[in-house]
Amino acid sequence: MKKEKQRIAIAEACGWSLNGSSGNAEWPYVKPVNGVAKELPDYLNDLNAMHEAEKVLSQPKHSDYICHLYYKTMGLGGNIGDWQKLATATAAQRAEAFLKTLNLWT
């Protein structure tokens, strides 16, 4: 899945929407809280942005997310000593796990 498509899919899952009335090609999306047209967060490189995205997951989905993140960071052969890899997952790894959790990864 291309990086820009990942950013858009995460943003839309977090409530961002296209701002058809802005006519601003640089900031075509509207932030969900205040309706201000802004550039989308850089979810693939910004851990703070991914932390905000993680907040939209329900508890059952958050459990699924942790499973996807576990397999992304440790693979099938992980052991208990590898849990630190889960805690230090990159923003890109978290983005992929987030999208897979919501069945948005293509």
PDB file of N, CA and C in Angstrom:
ATOM      1  N   MET A   1       0.857  -1.178   0.000  1.00  0.00           N
ATOM      2  CA  MET A   1       0.000   0.000   0.000  1.00  0.00           C
ATOM      3  C   MET A   1       0.900   1.237   0.000  1.00  0.00           C
ATOM      4  N   LYS A   2       0.653   2.153  -0.904  1.00  0.00           N
ATOM      5  CA  LYS A   2       1.484   3.352  -1.011  1.00  0.00           C
ATOM      6  C   LYS A   2       1.324   4.248   0.211  1.00  0.00           C
ATOM      7  N   LYS A   3       2.389   4.978   0.518  1.00  0.00           N
ATOM      8  CA  LYS A   3       2.421   5.795   1.732  1.00  0.00           C
ATOM      9  C   LYS A   3       1.302   6.831   1.795  1.00  0.00           C
ATOM     10  N   GLU A   4       1.058   7.532   0.698  1.00  0.00           N
ATOM     11  CA  GLU A   4       0.019   8.562   0.720  1.00  0.00           C
ATOM     12  C   GLU A   4      -1.361   7.942   0.933  1.00  0.00           C
ATOM     13  N   LYS A   5      -1.593   6.783   0.353  1.00  0.00           N
ATOM     14  CA  LYS A   5      -2.882   6.094   0.567  1.00  0.00           C
ATOM     15  C   LYS A   5      -3.017   5.673   2.030  1.00  0.00           C
ATOM     16  N   GLN A   6      -1.903   5.284   2.652  1.00  0.00           N
ATOM     17  CA  GLN A   6      -1.930   4.929   4.070  1.00  0.00           C
ATOM     18  C   GLN A   6      -2.314   6.144   4.914  1.00  0.00           C
ATOM     19  N   ARG A   7      -1.679   7.280   4.638  1.00  0.00           N
ATOM     20  CA  ARG A   7      -1.987   8.509   5.387  1.00  0.00           C
ATOM     21  C   ARG A   7      -3.459   8.882   5.256  1.00  0.00           C
ATOM     22  N   ILE A   8      -3.979   8.810   4.048  1.00  0.00           N
ATOM     23  CA  ILE A   8      -5.376   9.178   3.817  1.00  0.00           C
ATOM     24  C   ILE A   8      -6.313   8.206   4.522  1.00  0.00           C
ATOM     25  N   ALA A   9      -6.033   6.906   4.433  1.00  0.00           N
ATOM     26  CA  ALA A   9      -6.898   5.902   5.063  1.00  0.00           C
ATOM     27  C   ALA A   9      -6.915   6.068   6.581  1.00  0.00           C
ATOM     28  N   ILE A  10      -5.758   6.333   7.181  1.00  0.00           N
ATOM     29  CA  ILE A  10      -5.709   6.538   8.636  1.00  0.00           C
ATOM     30  C   ILE A  10      -6.462   7.805   9.004  1.00  0.00           C
ATOM     31  N   ALA A  11      -6.220   8.879   8.256  1.00  0.00           N
ATOM     32  CA  ALA A  11      -6.899  10.144   8.539  1.00  0.00           C
ATOM     33  C   ALA A  11      -8.418   9.997   8.461  1.00  0.00           C
ATOM     34  N   GLU A  12      -8.897   9.329   7.427  1.00  0.00           N
ATOM     35  CA  GLU A  12     -10.342   9.137   7.289  1.00  0.00           C
ATOM     36  C   GLU A  12     -10.893   8.284   8.429  1.00  0.00           C
ATOM     37  N   ALA A  13     -10.133   7.284   8.881  1.00  0.00           N
ATOM     38  CA  ALA A  13     -10.566   6.470  10.017  1.00  0.00           C
ATOM     39  C   ALA A  13     -10.624   7.298  11.296  1.00  0.00           C
ATOM     40  N   CYS A  14      -9.846   8.380  11.334  1.00  0.00           N
ATOM     41  CA  CYS A  14      -9.819   9.272  12.500  1.00  0.00           C
ATOM     42  C   CYS A  14     -10.794  10.437  12.365  1.00  0.00           C
ATOM     43  N   GLY A  15     -11.590  10.437  11.301  1.00  0.00           N
ATOM     44  CA  GLY A  15     -12.623  11.453  11.155  1.00  0.00           C
ATOM     45  C   GLY A  15     -12.300  12.601  10.215  1.00  0.00           C
ATOM     46  N   TRP A  16     -11.112  12.619   9.629  1.00  0.00           N
ATOM     47  CA  TRP A  16     -10.789  13.667   8.659  1.00  0.00           C
ATOM     48  C   TRP A  16     -11.658  13.472   7.421  1.00  0.00           C
ATOM     49  N   SER A  17     -11.962  14.551   6.743  1.00  0.00           N
ATOM     50  CA  SER A  17     -12.759  14.449   5.531  1.00  0.00           C
ATOM     51  C   SER A  17     -12.239  15.421   4.476  1.00  0.00           C
ATOM     52  N   LEU A  18     -12.582  15.123   3.228  1.00  0.00           N
ATOM     53  CA  LEU A  18     -12.193  16.013   2.135  1.00  0.00           C
ATOM     54  C   LEU A  18     -12.888  17.352   2.290  1.00  0.00           C
ATOM     55  N   ASN A  19     -12.154  18.401   2.024  1.00  0.00           N
ATOM     56  CA  ASN A  19     -12.689  19.748   2.120  1.00  0.00           C
ATOM     57  C   ASN A  19     -12.939  20.261   0.718  1.00  0.00           C
ATOM     58  N   GLY A  20     -14.043  19.871   0.138  1.00  0.00           N
ATOM     59  CA  GLY A  20     -14.357  20.238  -1.235  1.00  0.00           C
ATOM     60  C   GLY A  20     -14.524  21.720  -1.462  1.00  0.00           C
ATOM     61  N   SER A  21     -14.835  22.472  -0.425  1.00  0.00           N
ATOM     62  CA  SER A  21     -15.090  23.900  -0.604  1.00  0.00           C
ATOM     63  C   SER A  21     -13.843  24.758  -0.471  1.00  0.00           C
ATOM     64  N   SER A  22     -12.734  24.178  -0.014  1.00  0.00           N
ATOM     65  CA  SER A  22     -11.559  25.018   0.250  1.00  0.00           C
ATOM     66  C   SER A  22     -10.856  25.451  -1.029  1.00  0.00           C
ATOM     67  N   GLY A  23     -10.830  24.575  -2.032  1.00  0.00           N
ATOM     68  CA  GLY A  23     -10.095  24.887  -3.237  1.00  0.00           C
ATOM     69  C   GLY A  23      -8.591  24.943  -3.010  1.00  0.00           C
ATOM     70  N   ASN A  24      -8.153  24.499  -1.831  1.00  0.00           N
ATOM     71  CA  ASN A  24      -6.744  24.541  -1.478  1.00  0.00           C
ATOM     72  C   ASN A  24      -6.130  23.183  -1.758  1.00  0.00           C
ATOM     73  N   ALA A  25      -5.323  23.094  -2.803  1.00  0.00           N
ATOM     74  CA  ALA A  25      -4.718  21.820  -3.183  1.00  0.00           C
ATOM     75  C   ALA A  25      -3.716  21.331  -2.155  1.00  0.00           C
ATOM     76  N   GLU A  26      -3.098  22.242  -1.397  1.00  0.00           N
ATOM     77  CA  GLU A  26      -2.120  21.845  -0.384  1.00  0.00           C
ATOM     78  C   GLU A  26      -2.795  21.200   0.818  1.00  0.00           C
ATOM     79  N   TRP A  27      -3.919  21.707   1.234  1.00  0.00           N
ATOM     80  CA  TRP A  27      -4.618  21.221   2.425  1.00  0.00           C
ATOM     81  C   TRP A  27      -6.043  20.829   2.074  1.00  0.00           C
ATOM     82  N   PRO A  28      -6.220  19.739   1.345  1.00  0.00           N
ATOM     83  CA  PRO A  28      -7.567  19.385   0.901  1.00  0.00           C
ATOM     84  C   PRO A  28      -8.413  18.688   1.966  1.00  0.00           C
ATOM     85  N   TYR A  29      -7.856  18.440   3.153  1.00  0.00           N
ATOM     86  CA  TYR A  29      -8.608  17.738   4.185  1.00  0.00           C
ATOM     87  C   TYR A  29      -8.966  18.666   5.338  1.00  0.00           C
ATOM     88  N   VAL A  30     -10.078  18.335   5.984  1.00  0.00           N
ATOM     89  CA  VAL A  30     -10.574  19.113   7.114  1.00  0.00           C
ATOM     90  C   VAL A  30     -10.378  18.296   8.379  1.00  0.00           C
ATOM     91  N   LYS A  31      -9.828  18.955   9.382  1.00  0.00           N
ATOM     92  CA  LYS A  31      -9.608  18.328  10.681  1.00  0.00           C
ATOM     93  C   LYS A  31     -10.957  18.099  11.365  1.00  0.00           C
ATOM     94  N   PRO A  32     -11.159  16.916  11.955  1.00  0.00           N
ATOM     95  CA  PRO A  32     -12.484  16.590  12.485  1.00  0.00           C
ATOM     96  C   PRO A  32     -12.946  17.438  13.669  1.00  0.00           C
ATOM     97  N   VAL A  33     -12.047  17.902  14.507  1.00  0.00           N
ATOM     98  CA  VAL A  33     -12.459  18.596  15.725  1.00  0.00           C
ATOM     99  C   VAL A  33     -12.972  19.996  15.455  1.00  0.00           C
ATOM    100  N   ASN A  34     -12.222  20.765  14.694  1.00  0.00           N
ATOM    101  CA  ASN A  34     -12.592  22.168  14.515  1.00  0.00           C
ATOM    102  C   ASN A  34     -12.902  22.560  13.080  1.00  0.00           C
ATOM    103  N   GLY A  35     -12.854  21.618  12.163  1.00  0.00           N
ATOM    104  CA  GLY A  35     -13.200  21.891  10.782  1.00  0.00           C
ATOM    105  C   GLY A  35     -12.210  22.760  10.028  1.00  0.00           C
ATOM    106  N   VAL A  36     -10.997  22.889  10.557  1.00  0.00           N
ATOM    107  CA  VAL A  36      -9.976  23.703   9.905  1.00  0.00           C
ATOM    108  C   VAL A  36      -9.270  22.867   8.833  1.00  0.00           C
ATOM    109  N   ALA A  37      -9.096  23.448   7.650  1.00  0.00           N
ATOM    110  CA  ALA A  37      -8.381  22.763   6.574  1.00  0.00           C
ATOM    111  C   ALA A  37      -6.898  22.761   6.909  1.00  0.00           C
ATOM    112  N   LYS A  38      -6.316  21.571   6.944  1.00  0.00           N
ATOM    113  CA  LYS A  38      -4.902  21.430   7.284  1.00  0.00           C
ATOM    114  C   LYS A  38      -4.310  20.287   6.491  1.00  0.00           C
ATOM    115  N   GLU A  39      -2.992  20.218   6.524  1.00  0.00           N
ATOM    116  CA  GLU A  39      -2.295  19.079   5.945  1.00  0.00           C
ATOM    117  C   GLU A  39      -2.507  17.879   6.861  1.00  0.00           C
ATOM    118  N   LEU A  40      -2.641  16.706   6.260  1.00  0.00           N
ATOM    119  CA  LEU A  40      -2.826  15.500   7.061  1.00  0.00           C
ATOM    120  C   LEU A  40      -1.601  15.229   7.918  1.00  0.00           C
ATOM    121  N   PRO A  41      -1.787  14.646   9.105  1.00  0.00           N
ATOM    122  CA  PRO A  41      -0.635  14.260   9.929  1.00  0.00           C
ATOM    123  C   PRO A  41       0.239  13.253   9.185  1.00  0.00           C
ATOM    124  N   ASP A  42       1.511  13.242   9.529  1.00  0.00           N
ATOM    125  CA  ASP A  42       2.462  12.325   8.911  1.00  0.00           C
ATOM    126  C   ASP A  42       2.494  11.031   9.732  1.00  0.00           C
ATOM    127  N   TYR A  43       1.428  10.279   9.652  1.00  0.00           N
ATOM    128  CA  TYR A  43       1.268   9.090  10.473  1.00  0.00           C
ATOM    129  C   TYR A  43       2.426   8.094  10.347  1.00  0.00           C
ATOM    130  N   LEU A  44       3.033   7.991   9.191  1.00  0.00           N
ATOM    131  CA  LEU A  44       4.070   6.987   8.968  1.00  0.00           C
ATOM    132  C   LEU A  44       5.421   7.359   9.572  1.00  0.00           C
ATOM    133  N   ASN A  45       5.588   8.605   9.972  1.00  0.00           N
ATOM    134  CA  ASN A  45       6.857   9.054  10.541  1.00  0.00           C
ATOM    135  C   ASN A  45       6.720   9.723  11.904  1.00  0.00           C
ATOM    136  N   ASP A  46       5.507   9.916  12.375  1.00  0.00           N
ATOM    137  CA  ASP A  46       5.274  10.678  13.598  1.00  0.00           C
ATOM    138  C   ASP A  46       4.561   9.810  14.640  1.00  0.00           C
ATOM    139  N   LEU A  47       5.295   9.426  15.683  1.00  0.00           N
ATOM    140  CA  LEU A  47       4.708   8.588  16.730  1.00  0.00           C
ATOM    141  C   LEU A  47       3.564   9.296  17.452  1.00  0.00           C
ATOM    142  N   ASN A  48       3.658  10.618  17.602  1.00  0.00           N
ATOM    143  CA  ASN A  48       2.571  11.358  18.244  1.00  0.00           C
ATOM    144  C   ASN A  48       1.289  11.273  17.426  1.00  0.00           C
ATOM    145  N   ALA A  49       1.409  11.364  16.120  1.00  0.00           N
ATOM    146  CA  ALA A  49       0.237  11.255  15.246  1.00  0.00           C
ATOM    147  C   ALA A  49      -0.376   9.864  15.357  1.00  0.00           C
ATOM    148  N   MET A  50       0.470   8.838  15.388  1.00  0.00           N
ATOM    149  CA  MET A  50      -0.064   7.478  15.522  1.00  0.00           C
ATOM    150  C   MET A  50      -0.694   7.263  16.893  1.00  0.00           C
ATOM    151  N   HIS A  51      -0.137   7.880  17.921  1.00  0.00           N
ATOM    152  CA  HIS A  51      -0.738   7.768  19.254  1.00  0.00           C
ATOM    153  C   HIS A  51      -2.159   8.344  19.239  1.00  0.00           C
ATOM    154  N   GLU A  52      -2.336   9.472  18.561  1.00  0.00           N
ATOM    155  CA  GLU A  52      -3.673  10.052  18.438  1.00  0.00           C
ATOM    156  C   GLU A  52      -4.596   9.131  17.645  1.00  0.00           C
ATOM    157  N   ALA A  53      -4.081   8.521  16.579  1.00  0.00           N
ATOM    158  CA  ALA A  53      -4.890   7.603  15.773  1.00  0.00           C
ATOM    159  C   ALA A  53      -5.320   6.395  16.594  1.00  0.00           C
ATOM    160  N   GLU A  54      -4.427   5.870  17.413  1.00  0.00           N
ATOM    161  CA  GLU A  54      -4.737   4.692  18.234  1.00  0.00           C
ATOM    162  C   GLU A  54      -5.924   4.945  19.168  1.00  0.00           C
ATOM    163  N   LYS A  55      -6.136   6.192  19.541  1.00  0.00           N
ATOM    164  CA  LYS A  55      -7.219   6.540  20.465  1.00  0.00           C
ATOM    165  C   LYS A  55      -8.608   6.290  19.876  1.00  0.00           C
ATOM    166  N   VAL A  56      -8.724   6.199  18.549  1.00  0.00           N
ATOM    167  CA  VAL A  56     -10.042   5.979  17.947  1.00  0.00           C
ATOM    168  C   VAL A  56     -10.456   4.508  17.980  1.00  0.00           C
ATOM    169  N   LEU A  57      -9.530   3.625  18.328  1.00  0.00           N
ATOM    170  CA  LEU A  57      -9.847   2.189  18.351  1.00  0.00           C
ATOM    171  C   LEU A  57     -10.650   1.828  19.595  1.00  0.00           C
ATOM    172  N   SER A  58     -11.700   1.037  19.406  1.00  0.00           N
ATOM    173  CA  SER A  58     -12.458   0.516  20.542  1.00  0.00           C
ATOM    174  C   SER A  58     -11.584  -0.497  21.274  1.00  0.00           C
ATOM    175  N   GLN A  59     -11.975  -0.910  22.459  1.00  0.00           N
ATOM    176  CA  GLN A  59     -11.170  -1.870  23.214  1.00  0.00           C
ATOM    177  C   GLN A  59     -10.974  -3.183  22.454  1.00  0.00           C
ATOM    178  N   PRO A  60     -12.025  -3.770  21.881  1.00  0.00           N
ATOM    179  CA  PRO A  60     -11.793  -5.000  21.104  1.00  0.00           C
ATOM    180  C   PRO A  60     -10.864  -4.767  19.912  1.00  0.00           C
ATOM    181  N   LYS A  61     -11.024  -3.632  19.225  1.00  0.00           N
ATOM    182  CA  LYS A  61     -10.156  -3.331  18.087  1.00  0.00           C
ATOM    183  C   LYS A  61      -8.724  -3.062  18.554  1.00  0.00           C
ATOM    184  N   HIS A  62      -8.589  -2.462  19.731  1.00  0.00           N
ATOM    185  CA  HIS A  62      -7.250  -2.205  20.257  1.00  0.00           C
ATOM    186  C   HIS A  62      -6.527  -3.522  20.532  1.00  0.00           C
ATOM    187  N   SER A  63      -7.240  -4.515  20.996  1.00  0.00           N
ATOM    188  CA  SER A  63      -6.643  -5.837  21.204  1.00  0.00           C
ATOM    189  C   SER A  63      -6.193  -6.434  19.885  1.00  0.00           C
ATOM    190  N   ASP A  64      -7.012  -6.298  18.849  1.00  0.00           N
ATOM    191  CA  ASP A  64      -6.631  -6.764  17.511  1.00  0.00           C
ATOM    192  C   ASP A  64      -5.396  -6.012  17.018  1.00  0.00           C
ATOM    193  N   TYR A  65      -5.380  -4.712  17.275  1.00  0.00           N
ATOM    194  CA  TYR A  65      -4.249  -3.863  16.871  1.00  0.00           C
ATOM    195  C   TYR A  65      -2.948  -4.364  17.502  1.00  0.00           C
ATOM    196  N   ILE A  66      -2.985  -4.684  18.787  1.00  0.00           N
ATOM    197  CA  ILE A  66      -1.793  -5.177  19.472  1.00  0.00           C
ATOM    198  C   ILE A  66      -1.323  -6.485  18.834  1.00  0.00           C
ATOM    199  N   CYS A  67      -2.254  -7.343  18.461  1.00  0.00           N
ATOM    200  CA  CYS A  67      -1.882  -8.595  17.782  1.00  0.00           C
ATOM    201  C   CYS A  67      -1.208  -8.313  16.441  1.00  0.00           C
ATOM    202  N   HIS A  68      -1.770  -7.406  15.653  1.00  0.00           N
ATOM    203  CA  HIS A  68      -1.162  -7.058  14.366  1.00  0.00           C
ATOM    204  C   HIS A  68       0.222  -6.436  14.571  1.00  0.00           C
ATOM    205  N   LEU A  69       0.338  -5.593  15.578  1.00  0.00           N
ATOM    206  CA  LEU A  69       1.614  -4.947  15.860  1.00  0.00           C
ATOM    207  C   LEU A  69       2.649  -5.968  16.335  1.00  0.00           C
ATOM    208  N   TYR A  70       2.205  -6.923  17.125  1.00  0.00           N
ATOM    209  CA  TYR A  70       3.084  -7.997  17.591  1.00  0.00           C
ATOM    210  C   TYR A  70       3.677  -8.749  16.401  1.00  0.00           C
ATOM    211  N   TYR A  71       2.821  -9.171  15.474  1.00  0.00           N
ATOM    212  CA  TYR A  71       3.307  -9.922  14.314  1.00  0.00           C
ATOM    213  C   TYR A  71       4.162  -9.059  13.390  1.00  0.00           C
ATOM    214  N   LYS A  72       3.851  -7.765  13.304  1.00  0.00           N
ATOM    215  CA  LYS A  72       4.652  -6.868  12.472  1.00  0.00           C
ATOM    216  C   LYS A  72       6.046  -6.676  13.051  1.00  0.00           C
ATOM    217  N   THR A  73       6.160  -6.603  14.369  1.00  0.00           N
ATOM    218  CA  THR A  73       7.452  -6.332  14.988  1.00  0.00           C
ATOM    219  C   THR A  73       8.238  -7.597  15.329  1.00  0.00           C
ATOM    220  N   MET A  74       7.554  -8.685  15.627  1.00  0.00           N
ATOM    221  CA  MET A  74       8.247  -9.890  16.089  1.00  0.00           C
ATOM    222  C   MET A  74       8.071 -11.100  15.197  1.00  0.00           C
ATOM    223  N   GLY A  75       7.111 -11.059  14.293  1.00  0.00           N
ATOM    224  CA  GLY A  75       6.866 -12.208  13.443  1.00  0.00           C
ATOM    225  C   GLY A  75       6.242 -13.360  14.222  1.00  0.00           C
ATOM    226  N   LEU A  76       6.215 -14.520  13.619  1.00  0.00           N
ATOM    227  CA  LEU A  76       5.592 -15.683  14.260  1.00  0.00           C
ATOM    228  C   LEU A  76       6.473 -16.298  15.334  1.00  0.00           C
ATOM    229  N   GLY A  77       7.773 -16.052  15.277  1.00  0.00           N
ATOM    230  CA  GLY A  77       8.686 -16.710  16.208  1.00  0.00           C
ATOM    231  C   GLY A  77       9.075 -15.873  17.405  1.00  0.00           C
ATOM    232  N   GLY A  78       8.313 -14.844  17.722  1.00  0.00           N
ATOM    233  CA  GLY A  78       8.658 -13.980  18.850  1.00  0.00           C
ATOM    234  C   GLY A  78       8.574 -14.708  20.180  1.00  0.00           C
ATOM    235  N   ASN A  79       9.352 -14.246  21.148  1.00  0.00           N
ATOM    236  CA  ASN A  79       9.258 -14.794  22.491  1.00  0.00           C
ATOM    237  C   ASN A  79       9.107 -13.657  23.491  1.00  0.00           C
ATOM    238  N   ILE A  80       8.873 -14.020  24.729  1.00  0.00           N
ATOM    239  CA  ILE A  80       8.557 -13.028  25.750  1.00  0.00           C
ATOM    240  C   ILE A  80       9.671 -11.991  25.909  1.00  0.00           C
ATOM    241  N   GLY A  81      10.913 -12.370  25.642  1.00  0.00           N
ATOM    242  CA  GLY A  81      12.024 -11.433  25.736  1.00  0.00           C
ATOM    243  C   GLY A  81      12.004 -10.370  24.657  1.00  0.00           C
ATOM    244  N   ASP A  82      11.195 -10.577  23.639  1.00  0.00           N
ATOM    245  CA  ASP A  82      11.109  -9.637  22.523  1.00  0.00           C
ATOM    246  C   ASP A  82      10.020  -8.575  22.708  1.00  0.00           C
ATOM    247  N   TRP A  83       9.348  -8.542  23.835  1.00  0.00           N
ATOM    248  CA  TRP A  83       8.251  -7.594  24.027  1.00  0.00           C
ATOM    249  C   TRP A  83       8.701  -6.148  23.900  1.00  0.00           C
ATOM    250  N   GLN A  84       9.987  -5.898  24.146  1.00  0.00           N
ATOM    251  CA  GLN A  84      10.471  -4.520  24.005  1.00  0.00           C
ATOM    252  C   GLN A  84      10.313  -4.033  22.571  1.00  0.00           C
ATOM    253  N   LYS A  85      10.361  -4.947  21.599  1.00  0.00           N
ATOM    254  CA  LYS A  85      10.168  -4.559  20.199  1.00  0.00           C
ATOM    255  C   LYS A  85       8.769  -3.991  19.981  1.00  0.00           C
ATOM    256  N   LEU A  86       7.808  -4.531  20.704  1.00  0.00           N
ATOM    257  CA  LEU A  86       6.439  -4.035  20.590  1.00  0.00           C
ATOM    258  C   LEU A  86       6.357  -2.597  21.099  1.00  0.00           C
ATOM    259  N   ALA A  87       7.004  -2.341  22.219  1.00  0.00           N
ATOM    260  CA  ALA A  87       6.962  -1.008  22.812  1.00  0.00           C
ATOM    261  C   ALA A  87       7.710   0.016  21.983  1.00  0.00           C
ATOM    262  N   THR A  88       8.691  -0.425  21.205  1.00  0.00           N
ATOM    263  CA  THR A  88       9.495   0.504  20.418  1.00  0.00           C
ATOM    264  C   THR A  88       9.162   0.440  18.929  1.00  0.00           C
ATOM    265  N   ALA A  89       7.968  -0.011  18.610  1.00  0.00           N
ATOM    266  CA  ALA A  89       7.539  -0.085  17.202  1.00  0.00           C
ATOM    267  C   ALA A  89       7.580   1.298  16.572  1.00  0.00           C
ATOM    268  N   THR A  90       7.991   1.337  15.329  1.00  0.00           N
ATOM    269  CA  THR A  90       8.061   2.611  14.606  1.00  0.00           C
ATOM    270  C   THR A  90       6.659   3.094  14.239  1.00  0.00           C
ATOM    271  N   ALA A  91       6.576   4.342  13.848  1.00  0.00           N
ATOM    272  CA  ALA A  91       5.293   4.898  13.401  1.00  0.00           C
ATOM    273  C   ALA A  91       4.782   4.142  12.177  1.00  0.00           C
ATOM    274  N   ALA A  92       5.681   3.781  11.269  1.00  0.00           N
ATOM    275  CA  ALA A  92       5.273   3.050  10.065  1.00  0.00           C
ATOM    276  C   ALA A  92       4.733   1.661  10.419  1.00  0.00           C
ATOM    277  N   GLN A  93       5.351   0.986  11.377  1.00  0.00           N
ATOM    278  CA  GLN A  93       4.856  -0.322  11.810  1.00  0.00           C
ATOM    279  C   GLN A  93       3.490  -0.183  12.461  1.00  0.00           C
ATOM    280  N   ARG A  94       3.317   0.857  13.267  1.00  0.00           N
ATOM    281  CA  ARG A  94       2.030   1.102  13.917  1.00  0.00           C
ATOM    282  C   ARG A  94       0.953   1.447  12.887  1.00  0.00           C
ATOM    283  N   ALA A  95       1.327   2.213  11.870  1.00  0.00           N
ATOM    284  CA  ALA A  95       0.372   2.578  10.819  1.00  0.00           C
ATOM    285  C   ALA A  95      -0.128   1.339  10.089  1.00  0.00           C
ATOM    286  N   GLU A  96       0.785   0.439   9.734  1.00  0.00           N
ATOM    287  CA  GLU A  96       0.379  -0.780   9.046  1.00  0.00           C
ATOM    288  C   GLU A  96      -0.528  -1.632   9.932  1.00  0.00           C
ATOM    289  N   ALA A  97      -0.167  -1.792  11.199  1.00  0.00           N
ATOM    290  CA  ALA A  97      -0.997  -2.575  12.119  1.00  0.00           C
ATOM    291  C   ALA A  97      -2.380  -1.940  12.280  1.00  0.00           C
ATOM    292  N   PHE A  98      -2.427  -0.608  12.361  1.00  0.00           N
ATOM    293  CA  PHE A  98      -3.687   0.118  12.490  1.00  0.00           C
ATOM    294  C   PHE A  98      -4.590  -0.156  11.290  1.00  0.00           C
ATOM    295  N   LEU A  99      -4.029  -0.042  10.097  1.00  0.00           N
ATOM    296  CA  LEU A  99      -4.811  -0.260   8.881  1.00  0.00           C
ATOM    297  C   LEU A  99      -5.270  -1.713   8.755  1.00  0.00           C
ATOM    298  N   LYS A 100      -4.414  -2.652   9.136  1.00  0.00           N
ATOM    299  CA  LYS A 100      -4.812  -4.061   9.092  1.00  0.00           C
ATOM    300  C   LYS A 100      -5.914  -4.340  10.105  1.00  0.00           C
ATOM    301  N   THR A 101      -5.858  -3.703  11.244  1.00  0.00           N
ATOM    302  CA  THR A 101      -6.889  -3.872  12.275  1.00  0.00           C
ATOM    303  C   THR A 101      -8.257  -3.469  11.746  1.00  0.00           C
ATOM    304  N   LEU A 102      -8.293  -2.393  10.977  1.00  0.00           N
ATOM    305  CA  LEU A 102      -9.563  -1.871  10.442  1.00  0.00           C
ATOM    306  C   LEU A 102      -9.878  -2.410   9.050  1.00  0.00           C
ATOM    307  N   ASN A 103      -9.132  -3.411   8.609  1.00  0.00           N
ATOM    308  CA  ASN A 103      -9.316  -4.010   7.277  1.00  0.00           C
ATOM    309  C   ASN A 103      -9.222  -2.977   6.170  1.00  0.00           C
ATOM    310  N   LEU A 104      -8.293  -2.028   6.321  1.00  0.00           N
ATOM    311  CA  LEU A 104      -8.100  -0.999   5.318  1.00  0.00           C
ATOM    312  C   LEU A 104      -6.798  -1.183   4.553  1.00  0.00           C
ATOM    313  N   TRP A 105      -6.003  -2.176   4.918  1.00  0.00           N
ATOM    314  CA  TRP A 105      -4.720  -2.428   4.260  1.00  0.00           C
ATOM    315  C   TRP A 105      -4.969  -3.135   2.944  1.00  0.00           C
ATOM    316  N   THR A 106      -4.450  -2.568   1.868  1.00  0.00           N
ATOM    317  CA  THR A 106      -4.608  -3.199   0.550  1.00  0.00           C
ATOM    318  C   THR A 106      -3.251  -3.451  -0.074  1.00  0.00           C
TER     319      THR A 106
END
